[in-house]
Amino acid sequence: MTLGPAPTQRDGSCLVIQHASIAAHSNTSDQGTYRALRDGIQANVERCNVLLNKSVIISTALVPMLGYEESARIAKLAMASARTVSETVQDLGVMTGERFGEVKRLACTFPKVHHADS
């Protein structure tokens, strides 16, 4: 469906066209989401791990053990030095790589989602 240019007058018709466009986009997005949930979503685990290891967001997993201030300091150091959080905690002597891996695994464990039709 192609819509012409939106009217320039302020009679409300422009809002109707915008609303129709947003509703059509939302409906398409909802259908795609429904299909993905219905058919199952398969994560690319390898790619997710690569992105997670490069991100400082994993430093939030350190908060329960180290506190917010220390975890934030580690994240800032990692960003400033272009190193991973894992490398940074090891360089600082905060924990071993093996221990950090355990913390990361625990932080990234999600409960299995059960579908209503299963």
PDB file of N, CA and C in Angstrom:
ATOM      1  N   MET A   1       0.847  -1.173   0.000  1.00  0.00           N
ATOM      2  CA  MET A   1       0.000   0.000   0.000  1.00  0.00           C
ATOM      3  C   MET A   1       0.891   1.233   0.000  1.00  0.00           C
ATOM      4  N   THR A   2       0.683   2.126  -0.941  1.00  0.00           N
ATOM      5  CA  THR A   2       1.464   3.344  -1.037  1.00  0.00           C
ATOM      6  C   THR A   2       0.551   4.526  -0.800  1.00  0.00           C
ATOM      7  N   LEU A   3       0.983   5.373   0.101  1.00  0.00           N
ATOM      8  CA  LEU A   3       0.199   6.566   0.394  1.00  0.00           C
ATOM      9  C   LEU A   3       0.845   7.749  -0.294  1.00  0.00           C
ATOM     10  N   GLY A   4       0.026   8.661  -0.745  1.00  0.00           N
ATOM     11  CA  GLY A   4       0.532   9.880  -1.354  1.00  0.00           C
ATOM     12  C   GLY A   4       1.087  10.797  -0.283  1.00  0.00           C
ATOM     13  N   PRO A   5       1.527  11.968  -0.675  1.00  0.00           N
ATOM     14  CA  PRO A   5       2.060  12.900   0.307  1.00  0.00           C
ATOM     15  C   PRO A   5       0.986  13.306   1.306  1.00  0.00           C
ATOM     16  N   ALA A   6       1.402  13.520   2.511  1.00  0.00           N
ATOM     17  CA  ALA A   6       0.457  13.911   3.560  1.00  0.00           C
ATOM     18  C   ALA A   6      -0.072  15.313   3.276  1.00  0.00           C
ATOM     19  N   PRO A   7      -1.332  15.542   3.564  1.00  0.00           N
ATOM     20  CA  PRO A   7      -1.900  16.872   3.346  1.00  0.00           C
ATOM     21  C   PRO A   7      -1.184  17.910   4.215  1.00  0.00           C
ATOM     22  N   THR A   8      -1.121  19.122   3.702  1.00  0.00           N
ATOM     23  CA  THR A   8      -0.420  20.166   4.442  1.00  0.00           C
ATOM     24  C   THR A   8      -1.364  20.941   5.346  1.00  0.00           C
ATOM     25  N   GLN A   9      -2.670  20.853   5.112  1.00  0.00           N
ATOM     26  CA  GLN A   9      -3.590  21.604   5.949  1.00  0.00           C
ATOM     27  C   GLN A   9      -3.705  20.945   7.326  1.00  0.00           C
ATOM     28  N   ARG A  10      -4.136  21.678   8.290  1.00  0.00           N
ATOM     29  CA  ARG A  10      -4.238  21.201   9.660  1.00  0.00           C
ATOM     30  C   ARG A  10      -5.675  20.806   9.985  1.00  0.00           C
ATOM     31  N   ASP A  11      -6.302  20.023   9.098  1.00  0.00           N
ATOM     32  CA  ASP A  11      -7.695  19.645   9.330  1.00  0.00           C
ATOM     33  C   ASP A  11      -7.816  18.279   9.998  1.00  0.00           C
ATOM     34  N   GLY A  12      -6.702  17.675  10.384  1.00  0.00           N
ATOM     35  CA  GLY A  12      -6.751  16.375  11.049  1.00  0.00           C
ATOM     36  C   GLY A  12      -6.567  15.214  10.102  1.00  0.00           C
ATOM     37  N   SER A  13      -6.709  15.422   8.780  1.00  0.00           N
ATOM     38  CA  SER A  13      -6.581  14.308   7.840  1.00  0.00           C
ATOM     39  C   SER A  13      -5.154  13.780   7.825  1.00  0.00           C
ATOM     40  N   CYS A  14      -4.188  14.650   8.066  1.00  0.00           N
ATOM     41  CA  CYS A  14      -2.797  14.224   8.120  1.00  0.00           C
ATOM     42  C   CYS A  14      -2.606  13.249   9.273  1.00  0.00           C
ATOM     43  N   LEU A  15      -3.234  13.528  10.385  1.00  0.00           N
ATOM     44  CA  LEU A  15      -3.130  12.637  11.538  1.00  0.00           C
ATOM     45  C   LEU A  15      -3.753  11.278  11.250  1.00  0.00           C
ATOM     46  N   VAL A  16      -4.843  11.250  10.499  1.00  0.00           N
ATOM     47  CA  VAL A  16      -5.488   9.981  10.155  1.00  0.00           C
ATOM     48  C   VAL A  16      -4.548   9.138   9.311  1.00  0.00           C
ATOM     49  N   ILE A  17      -3.887   9.736   8.335  1.00  0.00           N
ATOM     50  CA  ILE A  17      -2.954   9.008   7.472  1.00  0.00           C
ATOM     51  C   ILE A  17      -1.768   8.521   8.302  1.00  0.00           C
ATOM     52  N   GLN A  18      -1.242   9.377   9.163  1.00  0.00           N
ATOM     53  CA  GLN A  18      -0.129   8.954  10.010  1.00  0.00           C
ATOM     54  C   GLN A  18      -0.547   7.800  10.906  1.00  0.00           C
ATOM     55  N   HIS A  19      -1.742   7.899  11.485  1.00  0.00           N
ATOM     56  CA  HIS A  19      -2.231   6.836  12.363  1.00  0.00           C
ATOM     57  C   HIS A  19      -2.378   5.526  11.589  1.00  0.00           C
ATOM     58  N   ALA A  20      -2.906   5.592  10.368  1.00  0.00           N
ATOM     59  CA  ALA A  20      -3.067   4.390   9.554  1.00  0.00           C
ATOM     60  C   ALA A  20      -1.714   3.769   9.234  1.00  0.00           C
ATOM     61  N   SER A  21      -0.727   4.612   8.946  1.00  0.00           N
ATOM     62  CA  SER A  21       0.606   4.120   8.645  1.00  0.00           C
ATOM     63  C   SER A  21       1.230   3.447   9.860  1.00  0.00           C
ATOM     64  N   ILE A  22       1.102   4.068  11.008  1.00  0.00           N
ATOM     65  CA  ILE A  22       1.634   3.491  12.238  1.00  0.00           C
ATOM     66  C   ILE A  22       0.918   2.191  12.567  1.00  0.00           C
ATOM     67  N   ALA A  23      -0.388   2.152  12.417  1.00  0.00           N
ATOM     68  CA  ALA A  23      -1.152   0.943  12.704  1.00  0.00           C
ATOM     69  C   ALA A  23      -0.746  -0.191  11.768  1.00  0.00           C
ATOM     70  N   ALA A  24      -0.530   0.108  10.486  1.00  0.00           N
ATOM     71  CA  ALA A  24      -0.120  -0.923   9.536  1.00  0.00           C
ATOM     72  C   ALA A  24       1.253  -1.463   9.897  1.00  0.00           C
ATOM     73  N   HIS A  25       2.166  -0.572  10.256  1.00  0.00           N
ATOM     74  CA  HIS A  25       3.514  -0.999  10.654  1.00  0.00           C
ATOM     75  C   HIS A  25       3.456  -1.831  11.923  1.00  0.00           C
ATOM     76  N   SER A  26       2.672  -1.399  12.881  1.00  0.00           N
ATOM     77  CA  SER A  26       2.548  -2.113  14.141  1.00  0.00           C
ATOM     78  C   SER A  26       1.971  -3.499  13.916  1.00  0.00           C
ATOM     79  N   ASN A  27       0.971  -3.594  13.060  1.00  0.00           N
ATOM     80  CA  ASN A  27       0.348  -4.887  12.766  1.00  0.00           C
ATOM     81  C   ASN A  27       1.349  -5.837  12.122  1.00  0.00           C
ATOM     82  N   THR A  28       2.141  -5.335  11.184  1.00  0.00           N
ATOM     83  CA  THR A  28       3.163  -6.155  10.534  1.00  0.00           C
ATOM     84  C   THR A  28       4.181  -6.634  11.548  1.00  0.00           C
ATOM     85  N   SER A  29       4.600  -5.731  12.409  1.00  0.00           N
ATOM     86  CA  SER A  29       5.578  -6.070  13.441  1.00  0.00           C
ATOM     87  C   SER A  29       4.996  -7.119  14.392  1.00  0.00           C
ATOM     88  N   ASP A  30       3.749  -6.951  14.788  1.00  0.00           N
ATOM     89  CA  ASP A  30       3.095  -7.915  15.685  1.00  0.00           C
ATOM     90  C   ASP A  30       3.004  -9.286  15.041  1.00  0.00           C
ATOM     91  N   GLN A  31       2.705  -9.344  13.744  1.00  0.00           N
ATOM     92  CA  GLN A  31       2.603 -10.629  13.051  1.00  0.00           C
ATOM     93  C   GLN A  31       3.956 -11.328  13.005  1.00  0.00           C
ATOM     94  N   GLY A  32       5.014 -10.560  12.737  1.00  0.00           N
ATOM     95  CA  GLY A  32       6.352 -11.140  12.717  1.00  0.00           C
ATOM     96  C   GLY A  32       6.757 -11.661  14.078  1.00  0.00           C
ATOM     97  N   THR A  33       6.451 -10.913  15.107  1.00  0.00           N
ATOM     98  CA  THR A  33       6.758 -11.341  16.474  1.00  0.00           C
ATOM     99  C   THR A  33       5.972 -12.596  16.813  1.00  0.00           C
ATOM    100  N   TYR A  34       4.683 -12.626  16.461  1.00  0.00           N
ATOM    101  CA  TYR A  34       3.860 -13.797  16.740  1.00  0.00           C
ATOM    102  C   TYR A  34       4.437 -15.036  16.054  1.00  0.00           C
ATOM    103  N   ARG A  35       4.807 -14.905  14.768  1.00  0.00           N
ATOM    104  CA  ARG A  35       5.368 -16.045  14.040  1.00  0.00           C
ATOM    105  C   ARG A  35       6.668 -16.527  14.683  1.00  0.00           C
ATOM    106  N   ALA A  36       7.506 -15.590  15.068  1.00  0.00           N
ATOM    107  CA  ALA A  36       8.781 -15.954  15.689  1.00  0.00           C
ATOM    108  C   ALA A  36       8.555 -16.699  16.999  1.00  0.00           C
ATOM    109  N   LEU A  37       7.609 -16.227  17.788  1.00  0.00           N
ATOM    110  CA  LEU A  37       7.312 -16.894  19.061  1.00  0.00           C
ATOM    111  C   LEU A  37       6.647 -18.245  18.836  1.00  0.00           C
ATOM    112  N   ARG A  38       5.754 -18.304  17.876  1.00  0.00           N
ATOM    113  CA  ARG A  38       5.036 -19.542  17.585  1.00  0.00           C
ATOM    114  C   ARG A  38       5.974 -20.608  17.038  1.00  0.00           C
ATOM    115  N   ASP A  39       6.839 -20.205  16.102  1.00  0.00           N
ATOM    116  CA  ASP A  39       7.710 -21.163  15.432  1.00  0.00           C
ATOM    117  C   ASP A  39       9.005 -21.426  16.193  1.00  0.00           C
ATOM    118  N   GLY A  40       9.257 -20.636  17.191  1.00  0.00           N
ATOM    119  CA  GLY A  40      10.475 -20.797  17.977  1.00  0.00           C
ATOM    120  C   GLY A  40      11.582 -19.887  17.472  1.00  0.00           C
ATOM    121  N   ILE A  41      12.303 -19.316  18.379  1.00  0.00           N
ATOM    122  CA  ILE A  41      13.402 -18.430  18.043  1.00  0.00           C
ATOM    123  C   ILE A  41      14.691 -19.164  18.357  1.00  0.00           C
ATOM    124  N   GLN A  42      15.573 -19.224  17.405  1.00  0.00           N
ATOM    125  CA  GLN A  42      16.860 -19.878  17.601  1.00  0.00           C
ATOM    126  C   GLN A  42      17.943 -18.809  17.687  1.00  0.00           C
ATOM    127  N   ALA A  43      18.562 -18.715  18.850  1.00  0.00           N
ATOM    128  CA  ALA A  43      19.636 -17.729  19.033  1.00  0.00           C
ATOM    129  C   ALA A  43      20.927 -18.253  18.426  1.00  0.00           C
ATOM    130  N   ASN A  44      21.716 -17.363  17.885  1.00  0.00           N
ATOM    131  CA  ASN A  44      23.056 -17.692  17.417  1.00  0.00           C
ATOM    132  C   ASN A  44      23.963 -17.538  18.640  1.00  0.00           C
ATOM    133  N   VAL A  45      24.131 -18.628  19.373  1.00  0.00           N
ATOM    134  CA  VAL A  45      24.826 -18.603  20.660  1.00  0.00           C
ATOM    135  C   VAL A  45      26.267 -18.115  20.504  1.00  0.00           C
ATOM    136  N   GLU A  46      26.940 -18.560  19.474  1.00  0.00           N
ATOM    137  CA  GLU A  46      28.323 -18.150  19.263  1.00  0.00           C
ATOM    138  C   GLU A  46      28.416 -16.634  19.087  1.00  0.00           C
ATOM    139  N   ARG A  47      27.546 -16.079  18.262  1.00  0.00           N
ATOM    140  CA  ARG A  47      27.546 -14.627  18.028  1.00  0.00           C
ATOM    141  C   ARG A  47      27.183 -13.870  19.310  1.00  0.00           C
ATOM    142  N   CYS A  48      26.222 -14.387  20.061  1.00  0.00           N
ATOM    143  CA  CYS A  48      25.829 -13.748  21.323  1.00  0.00           C
ATOM    144  C   CYS A  48      27.001 -13.708  22.299  1.00  0.00           C
ATOM    145  N   ASN A  49      27.764 -14.797  22.377  1.00  0.00           N
ATOM    146  CA  ASN A  49      28.917 -14.838  23.269  1.00  0.00           C
ATOM    147  C   ASN A  49      29.991 -13.840  22.842  1.00  0.00           C
ATOM    148  N   VAL A  50      30.221 -13.735  21.543  1.00  0.00           N
ATOM    149  CA  VAL A  50      31.205 -12.766  21.048  1.00  0.00           C
ATOM    150  C   VAL A  50      30.799 -11.358  21.460  1.00  0.00           C
ATOM    151  N   LEU A  51      29.536 -11.028  21.238  1.00  0.00           N
ATOM    152  CA  LEU A  51      29.052  -9.684  21.578  1.00  0.00           C
ATOM    153  C   LEU A  51      29.077  -9.445  23.083  1.00  0.00           C
ATOM    154  N   LEU A  52      28.702 -10.446  23.846  1.00  0.00           N
ATOM    155  CA  LEU A  52      28.703 -10.313  25.299  1.00  0.00           C
ATOM    156  C   LEU A  52      30.114 -10.113  25.831  1.00  0.00           C
ATOM    157  N   ASN A  53      31.062 -10.863  25.307  1.00  0.00           N
ATOM    158  CA  ASN A  53      32.447 -10.735  25.767  1.00  0.00           C
ATOM    159  C   ASN A  53      33.046  -9.375  25.442  1.00  0.00           C
ATOM    160  N   LYS A  54      32.577  -8.742  24.372  1.00  0.00           N
ATOM    161  CA  LYS A  54      33.084  -7.423  23.990  1.00  0.00           C
ATOM    162  C   LYS A  54      32.381  -6.292  24.744  1.00  0.00           C
ATOM    163  N   SER A  55      31.253  -6.589  25.362  1.00  0.00           N
ATOM    164  CA  SER A  55      30.439  -5.561  26.000  1.00  0.00           C
ATOM    165  C   SER A  55      30.783  -5.402  27.478  1.00  0.00           C
ATOM    166  N   VAL A  56      30.685  -4.176  27.963  1.00  0.00           N
ATOM    167  CA  VAL A  56      30.916  -3.950  29.391  1.00  0.00           C
ATOM    168  C   VAL A  56      29.661  -4.226  30.220  1.00  0.00           C
ATOM    169  N   ILE A  57      28.562  -4.529  29.569  1.00  0.00           N
ATOM    170  CA  ILE A  57      27.318  -4.798  30.301  1.00  0.00           C
ATOM    171  C   ILE A  57      27.479  -5.979  31.243  1.00  0.00           C
ATOM    172  N   ILE A  58      28.375  -6.893  30.928  1.00  0.00           N
ATOM    173  CA  ILE A  58      28.586  -8.054  31.782  1.00  0.00           C
ATOM    174  C   ILE A  58      29.122  -7.640  33.152  1.00  0.00           C
ATOM    175  N   SER A  59      29.644  -6.427  33.264  1.00  0.00           N
ATOM    176  CA  SER A  59      30.133  -5.953  34.564  1.00  0.00           C
ATOM    177  C   SER A  59      29.004  -5.876  35.591  1.00  0.00           C
ATOM    178  N   THR A  60      27.769  -5.789  35.140  1.00  0.00           N
ATOM    179  CA  THR A  60      26.651  -5.773  36.091  1.00  0.00           C
ATOM    180  C   THR A  60      26.558  -7.090  36.858  1.00  0.00           C
ATOM    181  N   ALA A  61      27.082  -8.173  36.277  1.00  0.00           N
ATOM    182  CA  ALA A  61      27.082  -9.462  36.973  1.00  0.00           C
ATOM    183  C   ALA A  61      28.018  -9.445  38.179  1.00  0.00           C
ATOM    184  N   LEU A  62      28.931  -8.495  38.213  1.00  0.00           N
ATOM    185  CA  LEU A  62      29.878  -8.394  39.312  1.00  0.00           C
ATOM    186  C   LEU A  62      29.306  -7.659  40.522  1.00  0.00           C
ATOM    187  N   VAL A  63      28.223  -6.929  40.334  1.00  0.00           N
ATOM    188  CA  VAL A  63      27.671  -6.087  41.398  1.00  0.00           C
ATOM    189  C   VAL A  63      27.378  -6.858  42.684  1.00  0.00           C
ATOM    190  N   PRO A  64      26.729  -8.030  42.636  1.00  0.00           N
ATOM    191  CA  PRO A  64      26.457  -8.727  43.901  1.00  0.00           C
ATOM    192  C   PRO A  64      27.718  -9.079  44.704  1.00  0.00           C
ATOM    193  N   MET A  65      28.826  -9.308  44.019  1.00  0.00           N
ATOM    194  CA  MET A  65      30.066  -9.675  44.705  1.00  0.00           C
ATOM    195  C   MET A  65      30.930  -8.476  45.065  1.00  0.00           C
ATOM    196  N   LEU A  66      31.002  -7.505  44.146  1.00  0.00           N
ATOM    197  CA  LEU A  66      31.948  -6.404  44.318  1.00  0.00           C
ATOM    198  C   LEU A  66      31.298  -5.081  44.684  1.00  0.00           C
ATOM    199  N   GLY A  67      30.000  -4.979  44.509  1.00  0.00           N
ATOM    200  CA  GLY A  67      29.317  -3.707  44.736  1.00  0.00           C
ATOM    201  C   GLY A  67      29.279  -2.873  43.468  1.00  0.00           C
ATOM    202  N   TYR A  68      28.390  -1.895  43.482  1.00  0.00           N
ATOM    203  CA  TYR A  68      28.182  -1.079  42.290  1.00  0.00           C
ATOM    204  C   TYR A  68      29.413  -0.257  41.938  1.00  0.00           C
ATOM    205  N   GLU A  69      29.993   0.420  42.928  1.00  0.00           N
ATOM    206  CA  GLU A  69      31.121   1.324  42.654  1.00  0.00           C
ATOM    207  C   GLU A  69      32.293   0.583  42.012  1.00  0.00           C
ATOM    208  N   GLU A  70      32.675  -0.562  42.567  1.00  0.00           N
ATOM    209  CA  GLU A  70      33.812  -1.319  42.031  1.00  0.00           C
ATOM    210  C   GLU A  70      33.488  -1.884  40.648  1.00  0.00           C
ATOM    211  N   SER A  71      32.263  -2.361  40.468  1.00  0.00           N
ATOM    212  CA  SER A  71      31.858  -2.900  39.159  1.00  0.00           C
ATOM    213  C   SER A  71      31.868  -1.804  38.098  1.00  0.00           C
ATOM    214  N   ALA A  72      31.405  -0.617  38.466  1.00  0.00           N
ATOM    215  CA  ALA A  72      31.411   0.515  37.535  1.00  0.00           C
ATOM    216  C   ALA A  72      32.846   0.932  37.216  1.00  0.00           C
ATOM    217  N   ARG A  73      33.710   0.918  38.209  1.00  0.00           N
ATOM    218  CA  ARG A  73      35.117   1.263  37.989  1.00  0.00           C
ATOM    219  C   ARG A  73      35.760   0.285  37.008  1.00  0.00           C
ATOM    220  N   ILE A  74      35.460  -1.000  37.174  1.00  0.00           N
ATOM    221  CA  ILE A  74      36.001  -2.028  36.279  1.00  0.00           C
ATOM    222  C   ILE A  74      35.492  -1.819  34.854  1.00  0.00           C
ATOM    223  N   ALA A  75      34.207  -1.522  34.728  1.00  0.00           N
ATOM    224  CA  ALA A  75      33.627  -1.282  33.398  1.00  0.00           C
ATOM    225  C   ALA A  75      34.294  -0.079  32.727  1.00  0.00           C
ATOM    226  N   LYS A  76      34.498   0.984  33.489  1.00  0.00           N
ATOM    227  CA  LYS A  76      35.136   2.187  32.934  1.00  0.00           C
ATOM    228  C   LYS A  76      36.581   1.906  32.520  1.00  0.00           C
ATOM    229  N   LEU A  77      37.299   1.157  33.352  1.00  0.00           N
ATOM    230  CA  LEU A  77      38.678   0.802  33.007  1.00  0.00           C
ATOM    231  C   LEU A  77      38.728  -0.051  31.739  1.00  0.00           C
ATOM    232  N   ALA A  78      37.803  -0.998  31.636  1.00  0.00           N
ATOM    233  CA  ALA A  78      37.754  -1.866  30.455  1.00  0.00           C
ATOM    234  C   ALA A  78      37.503  -1.040  29.197  1.00  0.00           C
ATOM    235  N   MET A  79      36.563  -0.109  29.281  1.00  0.00           N
ATOM    236  CA  MET A  79      36.257   0.731  28.125  1.00  0.00           C
ATOM    237  C   MET A  79      37.441   1.617  27.764  1.00  0.00           C
ATOM    238  N   ALA A  80      38.052   2.216  28.759  1.00  0.00           N
ATOM    239  CA  ALA A  80      39.151   3.149  28.513  1.00  0.00           C
ATOM    240  C   ALA A  80      40.377   2.450  27.921  1.00  0.00           C
ATOM    241  N   SER A  81      40.570   1.187  28.282  1.00  0.00           N
ATOM    242  CA  SER A  81      41.751   0.466  27.816  1.00  0.00           C
ATOM    243  C   SER A  81      41.459  -0.441  26.623  1.00  0.00           C
ATOM    244  N   ALA A  82      40.206  -0.433  26.158  1.00  0.00           N
ATOM    245  CA  ALA A  82      39.775  -1.274  25.024  1.00  0.00           C
ATOM    246  C   ALA A  82      40.030  -2.758  25.306  1.00  0.00           C
ATOM    247  N   ARG A  83      39.835  -3.152  26.575  1.00  0.00           N
ATOM    248  CA  ARG A  83      39.950  -4.563  26.953  1.00  0.00           C
ATOM    249  C   ARG A  83      38.589  -5.063  27.382  1.00  0.00           C
ATOM    250  N   THR A  84      38.475  -6.368  27.501  1.00  0.00           N
ATOM    251  CA  THR A  84      37.219  -6.940  27.975  1.00  0.00           C
ATOM    252  C   THR A  84      37.152  -6.825  29.496  1.00  0.00           C
ATOM    253  N   VAL A  85      35.965  -6.972  30.031  1.00  0.00           N
ATOM    254  CA  VAL A  85      35.798  -6.967  31.486  1.00  0.00           C
ATOM    255  C   VAL A  85      36.567  -8.138  32.084  1.00  0.00           C
ATOM    256  N   SER A  86      36.535  -9.279  31.419  1.00  0.00           N
ATOM    257  CA  SER A  86      37.271 -10.448  31.898  1.00  0.00           C
ATOM    258  C   SER A  86      38.760 -10.150  32.010  1.00  0.00           C
ATOM    259  N   GLU A  87      39.343  -9.574  30.972  1.00  0.00           N
ATOM    260  CA  GLU A  87      40.766  -9.221  30.995  1.00  0.00           C
ATOM    261  C   GLU A  87      41.063  -8.208  32.105  1.00  0.00           C
ATOM    262  N   THR A  88      40.162  -7.262  32.280  1.00  0.00           N
ATOM    263  CA  THR A  88      40.362  -6.212  33.276  1.00  0.00           C
ATOM    264  C   THR A  88      40.340  -6.771  34.694  1.00  0.00           C
ATOM    265  N   VAL A  89      39.360  -7.636  35.016  1.00  0.00           N
ATOM    266  CA  VAL A  89      39.318  -8.188  36.381  1.00  0.00           C
ATOM    267  C   VAL A  89      40.533  -9.070  36.648  1.00  0.00           C
ATOM    268  N   GLN A  90      41.003  -9.757  35.626  1.00  0.00           N
ATOM    269  CA  GLN A  90      42.197 -10.586  35.798  1.00  0.00           C
ATOM    270  C   GLN A  90      43.442  -9.718  35.994  1.00  0.00           C
ATOM    271  N   ASP A  91      43.570  -8.659  35.193  1.00  0.00           N
ATOM    272  CA  ASP A  91      44.722  -7.764  35.313  1.00  0.00           C
ATOM    273  C   ASP A  91      44.754  -7.073  36.672  1.00  0.00           C
ATOM    274  N   LEU A  92      43.577  -6.764  37.212  1.00  0.00           N
ATOM    275  CA  LEU A  92      43.503  -6.109  38.516  1.00  0.00           C
ATOM    276  C   LEU A  92      43.651  -7.101  39.672  1.00  0.00           C
ATOM    277  N   GLY A  93      43.613  -8.392  39.353  1.00  0.00           N
ATOM    278  CA  GLY A  93      43.714  -9.406  40.402  1.00  0.00           C
ATOM    279  C   GLY A  93      42.435  -9.585  41.195  1.00  0.00           C
ATOM    280  N   VAL A  94      41.318  -9.119  40.634  1.00  0.00           N
ATOM    281  CA  VAL A  94      40.032  -9.219  41.324  1.00  0.00           C
ATOM    282  C   VAL A  94      39.538 -10.658  41.333  1.00  0.00           C
ATOM    283  N   MET A  95      39.710 -11.356  40.221  1.00  0.00           N
ATOM    284  CA  MET A  95      39.321 -12.764  40.127  1.00  0.00           C
ATOM    285  C   MET A  95      40.003 -13.398  38.927  1.00  0.00           C
ATOM    286  N   THR A  96      40.012 -14.712  38.943  1.00  0.00           N
ATOM    287  CA  THR A  96      40.612 -15.446  37.828  1.00  0.00           C
ATOM    288  C   THR A  96      39.660 -15.452  36.644  1.00  0.00           C
ATOM    289  N   GLY A  97      40.190 -15.791  35.489  1.00  0.00           N
ATOM    290  CA  GLY A  97      39.347 -15.923  34.297  1.00  0.00           C
ATOM    291  C   GLY A  97      38.319 -17.018  34.461  1.00  0.00           C
ATOM    292  N   GLU A  98      38.721 -18.098  35.141  1.00  0.00           N
ATOM    293  CA  GLU A  98      37.792 -19.208  35.374  1.00  0.00           C
ATOM    294  C   GLU A  98      36.619 -18.765  36.251  1.00  0.00           C
ATOM    295  N   ARG A  99      36.929 -18.022  37.321  1.00  0.00           N
ATOM    296  CA  ARG A  99      35.871 -17.530  38.218  1.00  0.00           C
ATOM    297  C   ARG A  99      34.967 -16.550  37.482  1.00  0.00           C
ATOM    298  N   PHE A 100      35.553 -15.677  36.673  1.00  0.00           N
ATOM    299  CA  PHE A 100      34.741 -14.731  35.906  1.00  0.00           C
ATOM    300  C   PHE A 100      33.820 -15.485  34.951  1.00  0.00           C
ATOM    301  N   GLY A 101      34.325 -16.550  34.331  1.00  0.00           N
ATOM    302  CA  GLY A 101      33.492 -17.368  33.451  1.00  0.00           C
ATOM    303  C   GLY A 101      32.304 -17.964  34.188  1.00  0.00           C
ATOM    304  N   GLU A 102      32.508 -18.398  35.430  1.00  0.00           N
ATOM    305  CA  GLU A 102      31.404 -18.935  36.241  1.00  0.00           C
ATOM    306  C   GLU A 102      30.370 -17.845  36.524  1.00  0.00           C
ATOM    307  N   VAL A 103      30.863 -16.668  36.889  1.00  0.00           N
ATOM    308  CA  VAL A 103      29.961 -15.542  37.167  1.00  0.00           C
ATOM    309  C   VAL A 103      29.148 -15.208  35.918  1.00  0.00           C
ATOM    310  N   LYS A 104      29.814 -15.169  34.770  1.00  0.00           N
ATOM    311  CA  LYS A 104      29.135 -14.859  33.509  1.00  0.00           C
ATOM    312  C   LYS A 104      28.084 -15.917  33.182  1.00  0.00           C
ATOM    313  N   ARG A 105      28.429 -17.184  33.345  1.00  0.00           N
ATOM    314  CA  ARG A 105      27.459 -18.258  33.070  1.00  0.00           C
ATOM    315  C   ARG A 105      26.235 -18.146  33.969  1.00  0.00           C
ATOM    316  N   LEU A 106      26.461 -17.874  35.252  1.00  0.00           N
ATOM    317  CA  LEU A 106      25.336 -17.729  36.175  1.00  0.00           C
ATOM    318  C   LEU A 106      24.467 -16.533  35.814  1.00  0.00           C
ATOM    319  N   ALA A 107      25.113 -15.436  35.436  1.00  0.00           N
ATOM    320  CA  ALA A 107      24.370 -14.225  35.086  1.00  0.00           C
ATOM    321  C   ALA A 107      23.582 -14.398  33.799  1.00  0.00           C
ATOM    322  N   CYS A 108      24.035 -15.272  32.925  1.00  0.00           N
ATOM    323  CA  CYS A 108      23.403 -15.440  31.612  1.00  0.00           C
ATOM    324  C   CYS A 108      22.487 -16.656  31.557  1.00  0.00           C
ATOM    325  N   THR A 109      22.140 -17.216  32.690  1.00  0.00           N
ATOM    326  CA  THR A 109      21.240 -18.361  32.727  1.00  0.00           C
ATOM    327  C   THR A 109      19.817 -17.849  32.866  1.00  0.00           C
ATOM    328  N   PHE A 110      18.999 -18.186  31.888  1.00  0.00           N
ATOM    329  CA  PHE A 110      17.608 -17.766  31.894  1.00  0.00           C
ATOM    330  C   PHE A 110      16.718 -18.991  32.015  1.00  0.00           C
ATOM    331  N   PRO A 111      15.592 -18.848  32.689  1.00  0.00           N
ATOM    332  CA  PRO A 111      14.669 -19.982  32.753  1.00  0.00           C
ATOM    333  C   PRO A 111      14.096 -20.290  31.373  1.00  0.00           C
ATOM    334  N   LYS A 112      13.815 -21.551  31.120  1.00  0.00           N
ATOM    335  CA  LYS A 112      13.241 -21.943  29.837  1.00  0.00           C
ATOM    336  C   LYS A 112      11.825 -21.395  29.737  1.00  0.00           C
ATOM    337  N   VAL A 113      11.495 -20.845  28.578  1.00  0.00           N
ATOM    338  CA  VAL A 113      10.165 -20.301  28.345  1.00  0.00           C
ATOM    339  C   VAL A 113       9.290 -21.424  27.814  1.00  0.00           C
ATOM    340  N   HIS A 114       8.152 -21.627  28.434  1.00  0.00           N
ATOM    341  CA  HIS A 114       7.226 -22.661  27.990  1.00  0.00           C
ATOM    342  C   HIS A 114       6.106 -22.011  27.194  1.00  0.00           C
ATOM    343  N   HIS A 115       5.826 -22.597  26.052  1.00  0.00           N
ATOM    344  CA  HIS A 115       4.759 -22.076  25.194  1.00  0.00           C
ATOM    345  C   HIS A 115       3.421 -22.596  25.707  1.00  0.00           C
ATOM    346  N   ALA A 116       2.379 -21.811  25.504  1.00  0.00           N
ATOM    347  CA  ALA A 116       1.052 -22.172  25.970  1.00  0.00           C
ATOM    348  C   ALA A 116       0.536 -23.441  25.313  1.00  0.00           C
ATOM    349  N   ASP A 117       0.967 -23.708  24.067  1.00  0.00           N
ATOM    350  CA  ASP A 117       0.463 -24.881  23.349  1.00  0.00           C
ATOM    351  C   ASP A 117       1.316 -26.128  23.576  1.00  0.00           C
ATOM    352  N   SER A 118       2.335 -26.063  24.455  1.00  0.00           N
ATOM    353  CA  SER A 118       3.144 -27.255  24.693  1.00  0.00           C
ATOM    354  C   SER A 118       2.824 -27.886  26.017  1.00  0.00           C
TER     355      SER A 118
END
